[in-house]
Amino acid sequence: MTPTTPPSPDRRTVLRGAAAVGAVGAVAVPLAACTAENSGAKASGPRAGDQGPVTIGKVPDISVGAGEVFADSRVVVTRPEPAVYKAFDARCPHQGCLVGKVEQGVVKCACHGSQFDVNDGSVVRGPANTGLPELPLKVVDGDIVVG
């Protein structure tokens, strides 16, 4: 008895398989950007002010429309108007990454590109679908007090 070899797949079957692999790869690449390994600095634990007022630092020299991220306190402070400072939770609501910087009127999350308005923390650009929660802020003798 002679062993038989299985028939080779026809050209159409090979092309369908290649298309399926390509489609899976195209979906997997954007999803890989949202995995824990690629998401940047995750911010977990309590934030400044969760257990009462706390001084997070001195009033920084912030231009109007800009801000500063206080990473240790998980707070971002913005200056929407000359005499107005605002504080927001610096954890991006999309996946909890710490926002990275404030420029051109928006707070930017480097992990996935979400952007938030310096005036009220609302979403300017997703993937986040909720804004940054505002925190109570007072300036006392040049110190920023949150909570």
C-alpha atoms as a PDB file:
ATOM      1  CA  MET A   1       0.000   0.000   0.000  1.00  0.00           C
ATOM      2  CA  THR A   2       1.362   3.355  -1.026  1.00  0.00           C
ATOM      3  CA  PRO A   3       0.957   6.292   1.376  1.00  0.00           C
ATOM      4  CA  THR A   4      -1.181   9.064  -0.028  1.00  0.00           C
ATOM      5  CA  THR A   5      -0.398  12.702   0.469  1.00  0.00           C
ATOM      6  CA  PRO A   6      -3.224  15.052   1.341  1.00  0.00           C
ATOM      7  CA  PRO A   7      -4.259  17.387  -1.446  1.00  0.00           C
ATOM      8  CA  SER A   8      -2.713  20.863  -1.418  1.00  0.00           C
ATOM      9  CA  PRO A   9      -5.102  23.702  -0.631  1.00  0.00           C
ATOM     10  CA  ASP A  10      -6.280  25.620  -3.641  1.00  0.00           C
ATOM     11  CA  ARG A  11      -5.323  29.254  -4.215  1.00  0.00           C
ATOM     12  CA  ARG A  12      -8.682  30.582  -2.957  1.00  0.00           C
ATOM     13  CA  THR A  13      -8.321  28.786   0.410  1.00  0.00           C
ATOM     14  CA  VAL A  14      -4.802  30.156   0.905  1.00  0.00           C
ATOM     15  CA  LEU A  15      -5.945  33.714   0.142  1.00  0.00           C
ATOM     16  CA  ARG A  16      -8.881  33.438   2.570  1.00  0.00           C
ATOM     17  CA  GLY A  17      -6.520  32.287   5.323  1.00  0.00           C
ATOM     18  CA  ALA A  18      -4.105  35.151   4.664  1.00  0.00           C
ATOM     19  CA  ALA A  19      -6.969  37.672   4.741  1.00  0.00           C
ATOM     20  CA  ALA A  20      -8.197  36.294   8.078  1.00  0.00           C
ATOM     21  CA  VAL A  21      -4.708  36.534   9.604  1.00  0.00           C
ATOM     22  CA  GLY A  22      -4.352  40.102   8.317  1.00  0.00           C
ATOM     23  CA  ALA A  23      -7.720  41.120   9.790  1.00  0.00           C
ATOM     24  CA  VAL A  24      -6.840  39.693  13.197  1.00  0.00           C
ATOM     25  CA  GLY A  25      -3.479  41.495  13.119  1.00  0.00           C
ATOM     26  CA  ALA A  26      -5.117  44.806  12.221  1.00  0.00           C
ATOM     27  CA  VAL A  27      -7.441  44.537  15.226  1.00  0.00           C
ATOM     28  CA  ALA A  28      -4.734  43.331  17.612  1.00  0.00           C
ATOM     29  CA  VAL A  29      -2.365  46.263  17.034  1.00  0.00           C
ATOM     30  CA  PRO A  30      -4.709  49.014  18.324  1.00  0.00           C
ATOM     31  CA  LEU A  31      -5.819  46.811  21.215  1.00  0.00           C
ATOM     32  CA  ALA A  32      -2.208  46.241  22.235  1.00  0.00           C
ATOM     33  CA  ALA A  33      -1.921  49.957  22.943  1.00  0.00           C
ATOM     34  CA  CYS A  34      -4.501  49.585  25.713  1.00  0.00           C
ATOM     35  CA  THR A  35      -2.849  46.717  27.565  1.00  0.00           C
ATOM     36  CA  ALA A  36      -1.389  47.189  31.018  1.00  0.00           C
ATOM     37  CA  GLU A  37       2.159  46.758  29.702  1.00  0.00           C
ATOM     38  CA  ASN A  38       1.853  49.669  27.275  1.00  0.00           C
ATOM     39  CA  SER A  39      -0.354  52.010  29.268  1.00  0.00           C
ATOM     40  CA  GLY A  40       2.340  54.057  30.999  1.00  0.00           C
ATOM     41  CA  ALA A  41       2.199  55.067  34.632  1.00  0.00           C
ATOM     42  CA  LYS A  42      -0.848  53.690  36.405  1.00  0.00           C
ATOM     43  CA  ALA A  43      -1.998  55.763  39.342  1.00  0.00           C
ATOM     44  CA  SER A  44      -3.605  53.785  42.113  1.00  0.00           C
ATOM     45  CA  GLY A  45      -4.390  54.437  45.736  1.00  0.00           C
ATOM     46  CA  PRO A  46      -5.836  57.513  47.417  1.00  0.00           C
ATOM     47  CA  ARG A  47      -5.368  60.971  45.969  1.00  0.00           C
ATOM     48  CA  ALA A  48      -4.615  64.203  47.789  1.00  0.00           C
ATOM     49  CA  GLY A  49      -7.585  65.451  49.779  1.00  0.00           C
ATOM     50  CA  ASP A  50      -9.330  62.083  50.135  1.00  0.00           C
ATOM     51  CA  GLN A  51      -8.875  62.247  53.914  1.00  0.00           C
ATOM     52  CA  GLY A  52      -9.150  65.991  54.385  1.00  0.00           C
ATOM     53  CA  PRO A  53      -7.281  69.081  53.213  1.00  0.00           C
ATOM     54  CA  VAL A  54      -3.618  68.578  52.354  1.00  0.00           C
ATOM     55  CA  THR A  55      -0.938  70.934  51.042  1.00  0.00           C
ATOM     56  CA  ILE A  56       0.411  69.533  47.782  1.00  0.00           C
ATOM     57  CA  GLY A  57       2.957  72.246  47.031  1.00  0.00           C
ATOM     58  CA  LYS A  58       3.607  75.896  46.317  1.00  0.00           C
ATOM     59  CA  VAL A  59       1.619  77.774  43.726  1.00  0.00           C
ATOM     60  CA  PRO A  60       3.705  77.111  40.640  1.00  0.00           C
ATOM     61  CA  ASP A  61       4.420  79.705  38.006  1.00  0.00           C
ATOM     62  CA  ILE A  62       1.709  78.556  35.606  1.00  0.00           C
ATOM     63  CA  SER A  63       0.750  80.474  32.481  1.00  0.00           C
ATOM     64  CA  VAL A  64      -2.937  81.035  31.774  1.00  0.00           C
ATOM     65  CA  GLY A  65      -4.267  77.995  29.893  1.00  0.00           C
ATOM     66  CA  ALA A  66      -1.545  75.726  31.281  1.00  0.00           C
ATOM     67  CA  GLY A  67      -1.078  73.637  34.403  1.00  0.00           C
ATOM     68  CA  GLU A  68       1.148  71.330  36.379  1.00  0.00           C
ATOM     69  CA  VAL A  69       0.826  67.672  37.350  1.00  0.00           C
ATOM     70  CA  PHE A  70       1.632  66.864  40.984  1.00  0.00           C
ATOM     71  CA  ALA A  71       2.329  63.153  40.439  1.00  0.00           C
ATOM     72  CA  ASP A  72       2.924  62.271  44.101  1.00  0.00           C
ATOM     73  CA  SER A  73      -0.490  63.671  45.034  1.00  0.00           C
ATOM     74  CA  ARG A  74      -2.248  62.487  41.852  1.00  0.00           C
ATOM     75  CA  VAL A  75      -3.545  66.014  41.256  1.00  0.00           C
ATOM     76  CA  VAL A  76      -3.291  68.301  38.246  1.00  0.00           C
ATOM     77  CA  VAL A  77      -3.567  72.051  38.871  1.00  0.00           C
ATOM     78  CA  THR A  78      -4.605  74.313  36.013  1.00  0.00           C
ATOM     79  CA  ARG A  79      -4.857  78.060  35.581  1.00  0.00           C
ATOM     80  CA  PRO A  80      -7.766  78.821  33.251  1.00  0.00           C
ATOM     81  CA  GLU A  81      -7.810  82.562  34.108  1.00  0.00           C
ATOM     82  CA  PRO A  82      -5.218  84.939  35.616  1.00  0.00           C
ATOM     83  CA  ALA A  83      -6.609  84.777  39.179  1.00  0.00           C
ATOM     84  CA  VAL A  84      -8.153  81.281  39.016  1.00  0.00           C
ATOM     85  CA  TYR A  85      -6.536  77.933  39.844  1.00  0.00           C
ATOM     86  CA  LYS A  86      -8.378  74.615  39.584  1.00  0.00           C
ATOM     87  CA  ALA A  87      -7.487  71.129  40.786  1.00  0.00           C
ATOM     88  CA  PHE A  88      -8.516  67.860  39.148  1.00  0.00           C
ATOM     89  CA  ASP A  89      -7.886  64.202  39.828  1.00  0.00           C
ATOM     90  CA  ALA A  90      -4.840  63.441  37.642  1.00  0.00           C
ATOM     91  CA  ARG A  91      -5.952  59.868  36.928  1.00  0.00           C
ATOM     92  CA  CYS A  92      -7.347  59.485  33.437  1.00  0.00           C
ATOM     93  CA  PRO A  93     -10.832  57.949  33.677  1.00  0.00           C
ATOM     94  CA  HIS A  94     -10.116  55.771  30.631  1.00  0.00           C
ATOM     95  CA  GLN A  95      -7.739  53.307  32.337  1.00  0.00           C
ATOM     96  CA  GLY A  96      -6.277  55.094  35.344  1.00  0.00           C
ATOM     97  CA  CYS A  97      -3.028  56.371  33.855  1.00  0.00           C
ATOM     98  CA  LEU A  98      -1.577  59.502  35.376  1.00  0.00           C
ATOM     99  CA  VAL A  99      -2.006  62.436  32.992  1.00  0.00           C
ATOM    100  CA  GLY A 100       1.324  63.664  31.719  1.00  0.00           C
ATOM    101  CA  LYS A 101       1.223  67.347  30.887  1.00  0.00           C
ATOM    102  CA  VAL A 102      -0.885  70.439  30.376  1.00  0.00           C
ATOM    103  CA  GLU A 103      -0.449  72.612  27.311  1.00  0.00           C
ATOM    104  CA  GLN A 104      -2.471  74.677  24.861  1.00  0.00           C
ATOM    105  CA  GLY A 105      -5.544  74.631  27.113  1.00  0.00           C
ATOM    106  CA  VAL A 106      -5.759  70.871  27.573  1.00  0.00           C
ATOM    107  CA  VAL A 107      -4.619  68.270  30.075  1.00  0.00           C
ATOM    108  CA  LYS A 108      -3.072  65.407  28.094  1.00  0.00           C
ATOM    109  CA  CYS A 109      -2.899  61.719  28.934  1.00  0.00           C
ATOM    110  CA  ALA A 110       0.094  60.164  27.193  1.00  0.00           C
ATOM    111  CA  CYS A 111      -1.174  56.601  27.570  1.00  0.00           C
ATOM    112  CA  HIS A 112      -3.987  56.660  25.012  1.00  0.00           C
ATOM    113  CA  GLY A 113      -4.307  60.296  23.918  1.00  0.00           C
ATOM    114  CA  SER A 114      -7.288  61.490  25.963  1.00  0.00           C
ATOM    115  CA  GLN A 115      -7.441  65.252  26.440  1.00  0.00           C
ATOM    116  CA  PHE A 116      -9.343  67.333  29.006  1.00  0.00           C
ATOM    117  CA  ASP A 117     -10.282  71.031  29.177  1.00  0.00           C
ATOM    118  CA  VAL A 118      -8.272  73.093  31.713  1.00  0.00           C
ATOM    119  CA  ASN A 119     -11.414  75.056  32.659  1.00  0.00           C
ATOM    120  CA  ASP A 120     -13.646  72.221  33.854  1.00  0.00           C
ATOM    121  CA  GLY A 121     -11.880  68.894  33.242  1.00  0.00           C
ATOM    122  CA  SER A 122     -14.366  67.867  30.548  1.00  0.00           C
ATOM    123  CA  VAL A 123     -13.328  65.512  27.734  1.00  0.00           C
ATOM    124  CA  VAL A 124     -11.937  67.298  24.686  1.00  0.00           C
ATOM    125  CA  ARG A 125     -10.755  64.102  22.970  1.00  0.00           C
ATOM    126  CA  GLY A 126     -11.243  60.419  23.881  1.00  0.00           C
ATOM    127  CA  PRO A 127     -10.960  57.507  24.342  1.00  0.00           C
ATOM    128  CA  ALA A 128     -11.982  58.668  27.849  1.00  0.00           C
ATOM    129  CA  ASN A 129     -15.737  59.230  27.923  1.00  0.00           C
ATOM    130  CA  THR A 130     -15.892  61.081  31.262  1.00  0.00           C
ATOM    131  CA  GLY A 131     -13.958  64.101  32.431  1.00  0.00           C
ATOM    132  CA  LEU A 132     -11.454  64.582  35.232  1.00  0.00           C
ATOM    133  CA  PRO A 133     -13.228  65.059  38.586  1.00  0.00           C
ATOM    134  CA  GLU A 134     -12.663  68.537  40.044  1.00  0.00           C
ATOM    135  CA  LEU A 135     -11.232  68.738  43.547  1.00  0.00           C
ATOM    136  CA  PRO A 136     -11.678  71.577  46.038  1.00  0.00           C
ATOM    137  CA  LEU A 137      -8.632  73.877  45.941  1.00  0.00           C
ATOM    138  CA  LYS A 138      -7.555  76.839  48.065  1.00  0.00           C
ATOM    139  CA  VAL A 139      -4.413  78.921  47.904  1.00  0.00           C
ATOM    140  CA  VAL A 140      -3.197  79.653  51.438  1.00  0.00           C
ATOM    141  CA  ASP A 141      -0.046  81.758  51.851  1.00  0.00           C
ATOM    142  CA  GLY A 142       1.249  80.645  48.475  1.00  0.00           C
ATOM    143  CA  ASP A 143       0.512  76.959  49.131  1.00  0.00           C
ATOM    144  CA  ILE A 144      -1.932  74.842  47.157  1.00  0.00           C
ATOM    145  CA  VAL A 145      -4.322  73.091  49.530  1.00  0.00           C
ATOM    146  CA  VAL A 146      -6.549  70.359  48.092  1.00  0.00           C
ATOM    147  CA  GLY A 147      -9.461  68.725  49.869  1.00  0.00           C
END
